[in-house]
């Protein structure tokens, strides 16, 4: 299995991405080969500087870079030899089983829509992310920003995709799926969430446990997957990030609070794409890049996109 890494993507690329690749290579499964996509001269020079054998990786040369400030659609269409565009072409041709990038998020989303496309039957893909609980378990929440407005049938599909992820990647049997709402009663919420509740409550496609209130995040293990639209999910995610910054600013050191650090997760998967795609934070350091690569491997190993496709079918 081959996993692609956009070496040129990120605020601190290519140094941080290559350093992260070196760290990840030591932990990847023996059957996994990491493909470094970017300027070959820079890659080989940096590997040499880091005293790392370049033969440990496959290197695919590209001559262009989609910068963080570039217009996503225009850059993707014009910069055909960029690391992101070439990475998606390799995904499309099944030369790699997954693609990880901390580069231009908009360009990554354009690549999904215009190159590999979404899975047949998927109404809207979703960005998923992870929130810690008091125990070692995590809660998967989706969507966290891709679709600010989601109809009930889209939220229903999020439940399917989230359930497949939790079962396939985390190994949770019959994962518990909840709907983020303003109250636990089924009558609570706006028109969309009430309608979504009715659909999800009758589902045989996943284990729906009802509504989930925001004050249950972090302190309970009631749900393995929490579903919401991208507007609400993004606010939840940003508040979690703000909470972590506040803790750090006040000099509080605690093992639980450190689990809010995005570096531990590396990147967010795009669920519903026809291939495995993981998007990292632009400010990713080597540790975050390493974890993004390992996460991409975990998803590709279980053929997550195919499992989601079968569940939707």
C-alpha atoms as a PDB file:
ATOM      1  CA  UNK A   1       0.000   0.000   0.000  1.00  0.00           C
ATOM      2  CA  UNK A   2       1.235   3.483  -0.877  1.00  0.00           C
ATOM      3  CA  UNK A   3       0.247   6.673   0.957  1.00  0.00           C
ATOM      4  CA  UNK A   4       0.797  10.079  -0.638  1.00  0.00           C
ATOM      5  CA  UNK A   5       2.001  13.155   1.250  1.00  0.00           C
ATOM      6  CA  UNK A   6       1.816  16.689  -0.159  1.00  0.00           C
ATOM      7  CA  UNK A   7       5.292  17.776   0.880  1.00  0.00           C
ATOM      8  CA  UNK A   8       4.803  21.374  -0.256  1.00  0.00           C
ATOM      9  CA  UNK A   9       1.590  22.035   1.700  1.00  0.00           C
ATOM     10  CA  UNK A  10       1.563  23.874   5.035  1.00  0.00           C
ATOM     11  CA  UNK A  11       2.864  27.056   6.624  1.00  0.00           C
ATOM     12  CA  UNK A  12       6.151  25.397   7.589  1.00  0.00           C
ATOM     13  CA  UNK A  13       6.558  23.184   4.530  1.00  0.00           C
ATOM     14  CA  UNK A  14       8.610  21.565   3.213  1.00  0.00           C
ATOM     15  CA  UNK A  15      10.838  21.198   6.296  1.00  0.00           C
ATOM     16  CA  UNK A  16       8.048  20.238   8.713  1.00  0.00           C
ATOM     17  CA  UNK A  17       6.345  17.885   6.264  1.00  0.00           C
ATOM     18  CA  UNK A  18       9.557  16.031   5.461  1.00  0.00           C
ATOM     19  CA  UNK A  19      10.498  15.825   9.135  1.00  0.00           C
ATOM     20  CA  UNK A  20       7.016  14.489   9.854  1.00  0.00           C
ATOM     21  CA  UNK A  21       7.416  11.957   7.049  1.00  0.00           C
ATOM     22  CA  UNK A  22      10.671  10.743   8.603  1.00  0.00           C
ATOM     23  CA  UNK A  23       8.959  10.283  11.970  1.00  0.00           C
ATOM     24  CA  UNK A  24       5.976   8.508  10.392  1.00  0.00           C
ATOM     25  CA  UNK A  25       8.137   6.175   8.320  1.00  0.00           C
ATOM     26  CA  UNK A  26       9.480   4.645  11.524  1.00  0.00           C
ATOM     27  CA  UNK A  27       5.937   3.743  12.647  1.00  0.00           C
ATOM     28  CA  UNK A  28       4.272   2.783   9.370  1.00  0.00           C
ATOM     29  CA  UNK A  29       3.379  -0.842   8.732  1.00  0.00           C
ATOM     30  CA  UNK A  30       6.048  -2.776   6.785  1.00  0.00           C
ATOM     31  CA  UNK A  31       3.734  -3.050   3.787  1.00  0.00           C
ATOM     32  CA  UNK A  32       3.144   0.723   3.638  1.00  0.00           C
ATOM     33  CA  UNK A  33       5.305   2.919   1.423  1.00  0.00           C
ATOM     34  CA  UNK A  34       5.170   6.674   1.846  1.00  0.00           C
ATOM     35  CA  UNK A  35       5.155   8.706  -1.379  1.00  0.00           C
ATOM     36  CA  UNK A  36       6.600  12.210  -1.062  1.00  0.00           C
ATOM     37  CA  UNK A  37       4.996  14.503  -3.645  1.00  0.00           C
ATOM     38  CA  UNK A  38       6.814  17.768  -4.294  1.00  0.00           C
ATOM     39  CA  UNK A  39      10.032  19.327  -5.542  1.00  0.00           C
ATOM     40  CA  UNK A  40      12.495  16.445  -5.796  1.00  0.00           C
ATOM     41  CA  UNK A  41      15.609  18.572  -5.271  1.00  0.00           C
ATOM     42  CA  UNK A  42      14.219  20.069  -2.085  1.00  0.00           C
ATOM     43  CA  UNK A  43      13.059  16.661  -0.847  1.00  0.00           C
ATOM     44  CA  UNK A  44      16.394  14.910  -1.426  1.00  0.00           C
ATOM     45  CA  UNK A  45      18.392  17.823  -0.004  1.00  0.00           C
ATOM     46  CA  UNK A  46      16.254  17.916   3.133  1.00  0.00           C
ATOM     47  CA  UNK A  47      16.431  14.135   3.594  1.00  0.00           C
ATOM     48  CA  UNK A  48      20.190  14.327   3.258  1.00  0.00           C
ATOM     49  CA  UNK A  49      20.291  17.147   5.794  1.00  0.00           C
ATOM     50  CA  UNK A  50      18.204  15.000   8.158  1.00  0.00           C
ATOM     51  CA  UNK A  51      20.589  12.069   7.536  1.00  0.00           C
ATOM     52  CA  UNK A  52      17.756   9.930   6.167  1.00  0.00           C
ATOM     53  CA  UNK A  53      18.032   7.440   3.306  1.00  0.00           C
ATOM     54  CA  UNK A  54      15.825   8.672   0.433  1.00  0.00           C
ATOM     55  CA  UNK A  55      15.253   5.065  -0.692  1.00  0.00           C
ATOM     56  CA  UNK A  56      12.908   4.657   2.273  1.00  0.00           C
ATOM     57  CA  UNK A  57      10.399   6.739   0.315  1.00  0.00           C
ATOM     58  CA  UNK A  58       9.007   6.978  -3.188  1.00  0.00           C
ATOM     59  CA  UNK A  59       9.500  10.506  -4.538  1.00  0.00           C
ATOM     60  CA  UNK A  60       7.253  12.081  -7.176  1.00  0.00           C
ATOM     61  CA  UNK A  61       8.598  15.348  -8.558  1.00  0.00           C
ATOM     62  CA  UNK A  62       6.317  18.358  -9.059  1.00  0.00           C
ATOM     63  CA  UNK A  63       7.338  21.801 -10.273  1.00  0.00           C
ATOM     64  CA  UNK A  64       4.496  23.939  -8.897  1.00  0.00           C
ATOM     65  CA  UNK A  65       2.991  24.794  -5.515  1.00  0.00           C
ATOM     66  CA  UNK A  66      -0.543  25.845  -4.628  1.00  0.00           C
ATOM     67  CA  UNK A  67       0.127  28.508  -2.025  1.00  0.00           C
ATOM     68  CA  UNK A  68      -2.028  28.966   1.066  1.00  0.00           C
ATOM     69  CA  UNK A  69      -3.321  32.289  -0.261  1.00  0.00           C
ATOM     70  CA  UNK A  70      -4.119  31.076  -3.785  1.00  0.00           C
ATOM     71  CA  UNK A  71      -7.689  30.956  -5.054  1.00  0.00           C
ATOM     72  CA  UNK A  72      -8.514  27.230  -4.675  1.00  0.00           C
ATOM     73  CA  UNK A  73     -10.369  26.530  -7.940  1.00  0.00           C
ATOM     74  CA  UNK A  74      -8.167  28.730 -10.129  1.00  0.00           C
ATOM     75  CA  UNK A  75      -4.950  27.369  -8.650  1.00  0.00           C
ATOM     76  CA  UNK A  76      -6.048  23.746  -8.959  1.00  0.00           C
ATOM     77  CA  UNK A  77      -6.996  24.169 -12.614  1.00  0.00           C
ATOM     78  CA  UNK A  78      -3.934  26.236 -13.611  1.00  0.00           C
ATOM     79  CA  UNK A  79      -1.216  24.563 -11.558  1.00  0.00           C
ATOM     80  CA  UNK A  80      -1.522  21.088 -13.031  1.00  0.00           C
ATOM     81  CA  UNK A  81       1.945  20.118 -11.833  1.00  0.00           C
ATOM     82  CA  UNK A  82       1.393  21.184  -8.233  1.00  0.00           C
ATOM     83  CA  UNK A  83       1.799  18.678  -5.411  1.00  0.00           C
ATOM     84  CA  UNK A  84      -1.938  18.782  -4.637  1.00  0.00           C
ATOM     85  CA  UNK A  85      -3.080  18.353  -8.245  1.00  0.00           C
ATOM     86  CA  UNK A  86      -0.601  15.543  -8.895  1.00  0.00           C
ATOM     87  CA  UNK A  87      -1.586  13.875  -5.623  1.00  0.00           C
ATOM     88  CA  UNK A  88      -5.235  13.808  -6.638  1.00  0.00           C
ATOM     89  CA  UNK A  89      -4.339  12.480 -10.075  1.00  0.00           C
ATOM     90  CA  UNK A  90      -2.467   9.647  -8.379  1.00  0.00           C
ATOM     91  CA  UNK A  91      -5.487   8.997  -6.177  1.00  0.00           C
ATOM     92  CA  UNK A  92      -7.749   8.947  -9.214  1.00  0.00           C
ATOM     93  CA  UNK A  93      -5.499   6.451 -10.980  1.00  0.00           C
ATOM     94  CA  UNK A  94      -5.228   4.388  -7.769  1.00  0.00           C
ATOM     95  CA  UNK A  95      -1.457   4.790  -7.635  1.00  0.00           C
ATOM     96  CA  UNK A  96      -1.845   5.659  -3.942  1.00  0.00           C
ATOM     97  CA  UNK A  97      -4.419   4.522  -1.396  1.00  0.00           C
ATOM     98  CA  UNK A  98      -4.684   7.820   0.429  1.00  0.00           C
ATOM     99  CA  UNK A  99      -3.554  11.452   0.292  1.00  0.00           C
ATOM    100  CA  UNK A 100      -2.566  13.663   3.224  1.00  0.00           C
ATOM    101  CA  UNK A 101      -1.952  17.403   3.040  1.00  0.00           C
ATOM    102  CA  UNK A 102      -1.649  20.387   5.354  1.00  0.00           C
ATOM    103  CA  UNK A 103      -1.856  22.711   2.367  1.00  0.00           C
ATOM    104  CA  UNK A 104      -4.612  24.877   0.881  1.00  0.00           C
ATOM    105  CA  UNK A 105      -7.837  23.363   2.254  1.00  0.00           C
ATOM    106  CA  UNK A 106      -9.970  24.893  -0.477  1.00  0.00           C
ATOM    107  CA  UNK A 107      -7.779  23.353  -3.171  1.00  0.00           C
ATOM    108  CA  UNK A 108      -8.054  19.970  -1.449  1.00  0.00           C
ATOM    109  CA  UNK A 109     -11.844  20.219  -1.532  1.00  0.00           C
ATOM    110  CA  UNK A 110     -11.734  21.262  -5.185  1.00  0.00           C
ATOM    111  CA  UNK A 111      -9.602  18.198  -5.847  1.00  0.00           C
ATOM    112  CA  UNK A 112     -12.239  15.970  -4.310  1.00  0.00           C
ATOM    113  CA  UNK A 113     -15.100  17.464  -6.301  1.00  0.00           C
ATOM    114  CA  UNK A 114     -13.374  17.708  -9.664  1.00  0.00           C
ATOM    115  CA  UNK A 115     -10.876  14.860  -9.600  1.00  0.00           C
ATOM    116  CA  UNK A 116     -11.778  11.848  -7.486  1.00  0.00           C
ATOM    117  CA  UNK A 117     -15.355  13.038  -6.792  1.00  0.00           C
ATOM    118  CA  UNK A 118     -17.615  11.879  -3.987  1.00  0.00           C
ATOM    119  CA  UNK A 119     -18.968   8.366  -3.621  1.00  0.00           C
ATOM    120  CA  UNK A 120     -22.058   7.470  -5.609  1.00  0.00           C
ATOM    121  CA  UNK A 121     -25.113   8.132  -3.488  1.00  0.00           C
ATOM    122  CA  UNK A 122     -23.436  10.615  -1.150  1.00  0.00           C
ATOM    123  CA  UNK A 123     -25.438  13.838  -1.035  1.00  0.00           C
ATOM    124  CA  UNK A 124     -22.720  15.860   0.710  1.00  0.00           C
ATOM    125  CA  UNK A 125     -19.304  14.767   2.041  1.00  0.00           C
ATOM    126  CA  UNK A 126     -18.309  15.865   5.526  1.00  0.00           C
ATOM    127  CA  UNK A 127     -15.229  16.916   7.465  1.00  0.00           C
ATOM    128  CA  UNK A 128     -14.957  14.857  10.636  1.00  0.00           C
ATOM    129  CA  UNK A 129     -12.808  15.500  13.669  1.00  0.00           C
ATOM    130  CA  UNK A 130     -12.223  14.150  17.158  1.00  0.00           C
ATOM    131  CA  UNK A 131     -13.036  15.419  20.627  1.00  0.00           C
ATOM    132  CA  UNK A 132     -11.524  13.889  23.789  1.00  0.00           C
ATOM    133  CA  UNK A 133     -13.455  12.519  26.769  1.00  0.00           C
ATOM    134  CA  UNK A 134     -12.355  11.935  30.371  1.00  0.00           C
ATOM    135  CA  UNK A 135     -11.337   8.411  29.427  1.00  0.00           C
ATOM    136  CA  UNK A 136      -8.968   7.453  26.632  1.00  0.00           C
ATOM    137  CA  UNK A 137     -11.873   7.299  24.183  1.00  0.00           C
ATOM    138  CA  UNK A 138     -12.627   9.885  21.524  1.00  0.00           C
ATOM    139  CA  UNK A 139     -15.884  11.194  20.110  1.00  0.00           C
ATOM    140  CA  UNK A 140     -16.164  11.599  16.335  1.00  0.00           C
ATOM    141  CA  UNK A 141     -18.104  14.710  15.303  1.00  0.00           C
ATOM    142  CA  UNK A 142     -19.239  15.546  11.772  1.00  0.00           C
ATOM    143  CA  UNK A 143     -19.656  17.841   9.944  1.00  0.00           C
ATOM    144  CA  UNK A 144     -17.307  20.540  11.278  1.00  0.00           C
ATOM    145  CA  UNK A 145     -17.355  23.061   8.464  1.00  0.00           C
ATOM    146  CA  UNK A 146     -17.827  21.658   4.987  1.00  0.00           C
ATOM    147  CA  UNK A 147     -21.608  22.144   4.773  1.00  0.00           C
ATOM    148  CA  UNK A 148     -22.976  24.976   6.936  1.00  0.00           C
ATOM    149  CA  UNK A 149     -26.547  24.100   5.922  1.00  0.00           C
ATOM    150  CA  UNK A 150     -27.527  20.437   5.940  1.00  0.00           C
ATOM    151  CA  UNK A 151     -30.920  18.913   5.269  1.00  0.00           C
ATOM    152  CA  UNK A 152     -32.215  15.987   7.360  1.00  0.00           C
ATOM    153  CA  UNK A 153     -31.266  13.362   4.778  1.00  0.00           C
ATOM    154  CA  UNK A 154     -27.692  14.715   4.744  1.00  0.00           C
ATOM    155  CA  UNK A 155     -27.501  14.438   8.541  1.00  0.00           C
ATOM    156  CA  UNK A 156     -28.825  10.898   8.223  1.00  0.00           C
ATOM    157  CA  UNK A 157     -25.989  10.012   5.858  1.00  0.00           C
ATOM    158  CA  UNK A 158     -23.514  11.572   8.284  1.00  0.00           C
ATOM    159  CA  UNK A 159     -24.782   9.035  10.808  1.00  0.00           C
ATOM    160  CA  UNK A 160     -24.009   6.206   8.395  1.00  0.00           C
ATOM    161  CA  UNK A 161     -20.538   7.526   7.509  1.00  0.00           C
ATOM    162  CA  UNK A 162     -19.619   8.242  11.122  1.00  0.00           C
ATOM    163  CA  UNK A 163     -20.788   4.812  12.213  1.00  0.00           C
ATOM    164  CA  UNK A 164     -18.732   3.094   9.492  1.00  0.00           C
ATOM    165  CA  UNK A 165     -15.658   5.107  10.503  1.00  0.00           C
ATOM    166  CA  UNK A 166     -16.014   4.275  14.212  1.00  0.00           C
ATOM    167  CA  UNK A 167     -16.518   0.584  13.503  1.00  0.00           C
ATOM    168  CA  UNK A 168     -13.846   0.198  10.806  1.00  0.00           C
ATOM    169  CA  UNK A 169     -11.057   2.475  12.067  1.00  0.00           C
ATOM    170  CA  UNK A 170     -11.638   2.407  15.819  1.00  0.00           C
ATOM    171  CA  UNK A 171     -12.954  -1.154  15.975  1.00  0.00           C
ATOM    172  CA  UNK A 172     -16.097  -0.214  17.935  1.00  0.00           C
ATOM    173  CA  UNK A 173     -18.830  -2.790  17.516  1.00  0.00           C
ATOM    174  CA  UNK A 174     -22.243  -1.232  16.878  1.00  0.00           C
ATOM    175  CA  UNK A 175     -21.085   2.369  17.581  1.00  0.00           C
ATOM    176  CA  UNK A 176     -23.537   4.741  19.231  1.00  0.00           C
ATOM    177  CA  UNK A 177     -24.671   7.616  17.007  1.00  0.00           C
ATOM    178  CA  UNK A 178     -26.291  10.764  18.433  1.00  0.00           C
ATOM    179  CA  UNK A 179     -27.729  13.982  17.012  1.00  0.00           C
ATOM    180  CA  UNK A 180     -26.405  17.249  18.452  1.00  0.00           C
ATOM    181  CA  UNK A 181     -29.362  19.259  19.706  1.00  0.00           C
ATOM    182  CA  UNK A 182     -30.464  21.796  22.318  1.00  0.00           C
ATOM    183  CA  UNK A 183     -32.225  19.205  24.450  1.00  0.00           C
ATOM    184  CA  UNK A 184     -32.482  15.468  24.926  1.00  0.00           C
ATOM    185  CA  UNK A 185     -36.220  15.295  24.197  1.00  0.00           C
ATOM    186  CA  UNK A 186     -37.164  14.304  20.658  1.00  0.00           C
ATOM    187  CA  UNK A 187     -39.416  17.364  20.369  1.00  0.00           C
ATOM    188  CA  UNK A 188     -36.487  19.759  20.891  1.00  0.00           C
ATOM    189  CA  UNK A 189     -34.597  21.590  18.162  1.00  0.00           C
ATOM    190  CA  UNK A 190     -35.346  23.400  14.934  1.00  0.00           C
ATOM    191  CA  UNK A 191     -37.202  22.028  11.950  1.00  0.00           C
ATOM    192  CA  UNK A 192     -34.095  20.346  10.518  1.00  0.00           C
ATOM    193  CA  UNK A 193     -33.023  18.558  13.700  1.00  0.00           C
ATOM    194  CA  UNK A 194     -36.570  17.457  14.536  1.00  0.00           C
ATOM    195  CA  UNK A 195     -36.972  16.015  11.057  1.00  0.00           C
ATOM    196  CA  UNK A 196     -33.525  14.414  11.220  1.00  0.00           C
ATOM    197  CA  UNK A 197     -34.418  12.876  14.585  1.00  0.00           C
ATOM    198  CA  UNK A 198     -37.485  11.204  13.092  1.00  0.00           C
ATOM    199  CA  UNK A 199     -35.423   9.724  10.250  1.00  0.00           C
ATOM    200  CA  UNK A 200     -32.561   8.599  12.465  1.00  0.00           C
ATOM    201  CA  UNK A 201     -34.812   7.172  15.147  1.00  0.00           C
ATOM    202  CA  UNK A 202     -36.241   4.714  12.633  1.00  0.00           C
ATOM    203  CA  UNK A 203     -32.857   3.807  11.136  1.00  0.00           C
ATOM    204  CA  UNK A 204     -31.653   0.248  10.783  1.00  0.00           C
ATOM    205  CA  UNK A 205     -28.361   1.448   9.315  1.00  0.00           C
ATOM    206  CA  UNK A 206     -26.782   2.568  12.586  1.00  0.00           C
ATOM    207  CA  UNK A 207     -27.296   2.500  16.343  1.00  0.00           C
ATOM    208  CA  UNK A 208     -29.088   5.784  17.017  1.00  0.00           C
ATOM    209  CA  UNK A 209     -29.253   6.712  20.721  1.00  0.00           C
ATOM    210  CA  UNK A 210     -31.090  10.042  20.444  1.00  0.00           C
ATOM    211  CA  UNK A 211     -30.233  13.681  20.977  1.00  0.00           C
ATOM    212  CA  UNK A 212     -26.940  14.828  22.456  1.00  0.00           C
ATOM    213  CA  UNK A 213     -26.496  18.149  24.274  1.00  0.00           C
ATOM    214  CA  UNK A 214     -23.302  20.194  23.949  1.00  0.00           C
ATOM    215  CA  UNK A 215     -22.625  20.066  27.700  1.00  0.00           C
ATOM    216  CA  UNK A 216     -22.085  16.321  27.333  1.00  0.00           C
ATOM    217  CA  UNK A 217     -18.968  16.788  25.208  1.00  0.00           C
ATOM    218  CA  UNK A 218     -15.675  15.967  26.965  1.00  0.00           C
ATOM    219  CA  UNK A 219     -17.328  14.757  30.198  1.00  0.00           C
ATOM    220  CA  UNK A 220     -19.344  11.742  29.025  1.00  0.00           C
ATOM    221  CA  UNK A 221     -18.922   8.694  26.833  1.00  0.00           C
ATOM    222  CA  UNK A 222     -22.571   8.561  25.858  1.00  0.00           C
ATOM    223  CA  UNK A 223     -21.911   8.629  22.116  1.00  0.00           C
ATOM    224  CA  UNK A 224     -19.169   7.420  19.792  1.00  0.00           C
ATOM    225  CA  UNK A 225     -20.390   9.598  16.905  1.00  0.00           C
ATOM    226  CA  UNK A 226     -22.161  12.967  17.089  1.00  0.00           C
ATOM    227  CA  UNK A 227     -23.874  14.353  13.990  1.00  0.00           C
ATOM    228  CA  UNK A 228     -24.538  18.036  13.241  1.00  0.00           C
ATOM    229  CA  UNK A 229     -24.412  20.512  10.374  1.00  0.00           C
ATOM    230  CA  UNK A 230     -21.123  22.182   9.474  1.00  0.00           C
ATOM    231  CA  UNK A 231     -22.120  25.556  10.954  1.00  0.00           C
ATOM    232  CA  UNK A 232     -22.740  24.201  14.441  1.00  0.00           C
ATOM    233  CA  UNK A 233     -19.902  21.674  14.238  1.00  0.00           C
ATOM    234  CA  UNK A 234     -17.360  24.325  13.317  1.00  0.00           C
ATOM    235  CA  UNK A 235     -18.391  26.449  16.284  1.00  0.00           C
ATOM    236  CA  UNK A 236     -17.999  23.450  18.616  1.00  0.00           C
ATOM    237  CA  UNK A 237     -14.556  22.729  17.160  1.00  0.00           C
ATOM    238  CA  UNK A 238     -13.378  26.348  17.424  1.00  0.00           C
ATOM    239  CA  UNK A 239     -14.608  26.608  21.015  1.00  0.00           C
ATOM    240  CA  UNK A 240     -12.613  23.488  21.859  1.00  0.00           C
ATOM    241  CA  UNK A 241      -9.528  25.061  20.285  1.00  0.00           C
ATOM    242  CA  UNK A 242     -10.119  28.300  22.214  1.00  0.00           C
ATOM    243  CA  UNK A 243     -10.484  26.331  25.444  1.00  0.00           C
ATOM    244  CA  UNK A 244      -7.125  24.648  24.831  1.00  0.00           C
ATOM    245  CA  UNK A 245      -5.448  28.004  24.105  1.00  0.00           C
ATOM    246  CA  UNK A 246      -6.865  29.424  27.338  1.00  0.00           C
ATOM    247  CA  UNK A 247      -5.537  26.499  29.352  1.00  0.00           C
ATOM    248  CA  UNK A 248      -2.092  26.896  27.803  1.00  0.00           C
ATOM    249  CA  UNK A 249      -2.102  30.679  28.299  1.00  0.00           C
ATOM    250  CA  UNK A 250      -2.857  30.248  31.998  1.00  0.00           C
ATOM    251  CA  UNK A 251       0.054  27.847  32.379  1.00  0.00           C
ATOM    252  CA  UNK A 252      -2.119  24.898  33.367  1.00  0.00           C
ATOM    253  CA  UNK A 253      -0.497  21.541  32.662  1.00  0.00           C
ATOM    254  CA  UNK A 254      -2.809  18.578  32.704  1.00  0.00           C
ATOM    255  CA  UNK A 255      -2.748  15.296  30.802  1.00  0.00           C
ATOM    256  CA  UNK A 256      -6.436  15.497  29.871  1.00  0.00           C
ATOM    257  CA  UNK A 257      -6.306  19.056  28.565  1.00  0.00           C
ATOM    258  CA  UNK A 258      -3.255  18.207  26.462  1.00  0.00           C
ATOM    259  CA  UNK A 259      -5.513  15.840  24.509  1.00  0.00           C
ATOM    260  CA  UNK A 260      -7.144  18.927  22.975  1.00  0.00           C
ATOM    261  CA  UNK A 261      -3.904  19.623  21.090  1.00  0.00           C
ATOM    262  CA  UNK A 262      -4.577  19.111  17.361  1.00  0.00           C
ATOM    263  CA  UNK A 263      -1.054  17.754  16.925  1.00  0.00           C
ATOM    264  CA  UNK A 264      -2.182  14.505  18.537  1.00  0.00           C
ATOM    265  CA  UNK A 265      -4.691  13.855  15.738  1.00  0.00           C
ATOM    266  CA  UNK A 266      -2.785  15.344  12.828  1.00  0.00           C
ATOM    267  CA  UNK A 267      -5.639  15.856  10.417  1.00  0.00           C
ATOM    268  CA  UNK A 268      -9.335  15.598   9.677  1.00  0.00           C
ATOM    269  CA  UNK A 269     -10.736  12.976   7.301  1.00  0.00           C
ATOM    270  CA  UNK A 270     -13.107  13.900   4.499  1.00  0.00           C
ATOM    271  CA  UNK A 271     -15.829  11.262   4.717  1.00  0.00           C
ATOM    272  CA  UNK A 272     -17.815  10.593   1.566  1.00  0.00           C
ATOM    273  CA  UNK A 273     -14.950  11.100  -0.905  1.00  0.00           C
ATOM    274  CA  UNK A 274     -14.289   8.202  -3.268  1.00  0.00           C
ATOM    275  CA  UNK A 275     -10.744   7.837  -1.883  1.00  0.00           C
ATOM    276  CA  UNK A 276      -9.064   8.451   1.468  1.00  0.00           C
ATOM    277  CA  UNK A 277      -8.245  12.147   1.958  1.00  0.00           C
ATOM    278  CA  UNK A 278      -6.982  13.694   5.200  1.00  0.00           C
ATOM    279  CA  UNK A 279      -6.543  17.445   5.613  1.00  0.00           C
ATOM    280  CA  UNK A 280      -4.160  18.841   8.217  1.00  0.00           C
ATOM    281  CA  UNK A 281      -3.924  22.211   9.919  1.00  0.00           C
ATOM    282  CA  UNK A 282      -1.862  24.789   8.034  1.00  0.00           C
ATOM    283  CA  UNK A 283       0.352  25.353  11.083  1.00  0.00           C
ATOM    284  CA  UNK A 284       1.145  21.651  11.411  1.00  0.00           C
ATOM    285  CA  UNK A 285       4.566  20.816  12.826  1.00  0.00           C
ATOM    286  CA  UNK A 286       6.418  17.541  12.329  1.00  0.00           C
ATOM    287  CA  UNK A 287       4.450  15.757  15.069  1.00  0.00           C
ATOM    288  CA  UNK A 288       1.121  16.751  13.517  1.00  0.00           C
ATOM    289  CA  UNK A 289       2.313  15.701  10.059  1.00  0.00           C
ATOM    290  CA  UNK A 290       3.421  12.330  11.427  1.00  0.00           C
ATOM    291  CA  UNK A 291       0.041  11.688  13.016  1.00  0.00           C
ATOM    292  CA  UNK A 292      -1.771  12.842   9.864  1.00  0.00           C
ATOM    293  CA  UNK A 293       0.169  10.277   7.825  1.00  0.00           C
ATOM    294  CA  UNK A 294      -0.513   7.482  10.315  1.00  0.00           C
ATOM    295  CA  UNK A 295      -4.202   8.384  10.353  1.00  0.00           C
ATOM    296  CA  UNK A 296      -4.289   8.255   6.551  1.00  0.00           C
ATOM    297  CA  UNK A 297      -2.714   4.811   6.668  1.00  0.00           C
ATOM    298  CA  UNK A 298      -5.306   3.587   9.187  1.00  0.00           C
ATOM    299  CA  UNK A 299      -8.159   4.687   6.941  1.00  0.00           C
ATOM    300  CA  UNK A 300      -6.614   3.257   3.776  1.00  0.00           C
ATOM    301  CA  UNK A 301      -5.807  -0.070   5.442  1.00  0.00           C
ATOM    302  CA  UNK A 302      -9.455  -0.787   6.145  1.00  0.00           C
ATOM    303  CA  UNK A 303     -10.552   0.525   2.724  1.00  0.00           C
ATOM    304  CA  UNK A 304     -12.832   3.013   4.454  1.00  0.00           C
ATOM    305  CA  UNK A 305     -14.215   4.654   1.317  1.00  0.00           C
ATOM    306  CA  UNK A 306     -15.344   1.286  -0.045  1.00  0.00           C
ATOM    307  CA  UNK A 307     -16.987   0.417   3.278  1.00  0.00           C
ATOM    308  CA  UNK A 308     -18.868   3.725   3.280  1.00  0.00           C
ATOM    309  CA  UNK A 309     -19.934   3.125  -0.330  1.00  0.00           C
ATOM    310  CA  UNK A 310     -21.295  -0.324   0.578  1.00  0.00           C
ATOM    311  CA  UNK A 311     -23.163   1.103   3.556  1.00  0.00           C
ATOM    312  CA  UNK A 312     -24.726   3.875   1.453  1.00  0.00           C
ATOM    313  CA  UNK A 313     -25.645   1.398  -1.294  1.00  0.00           C
END
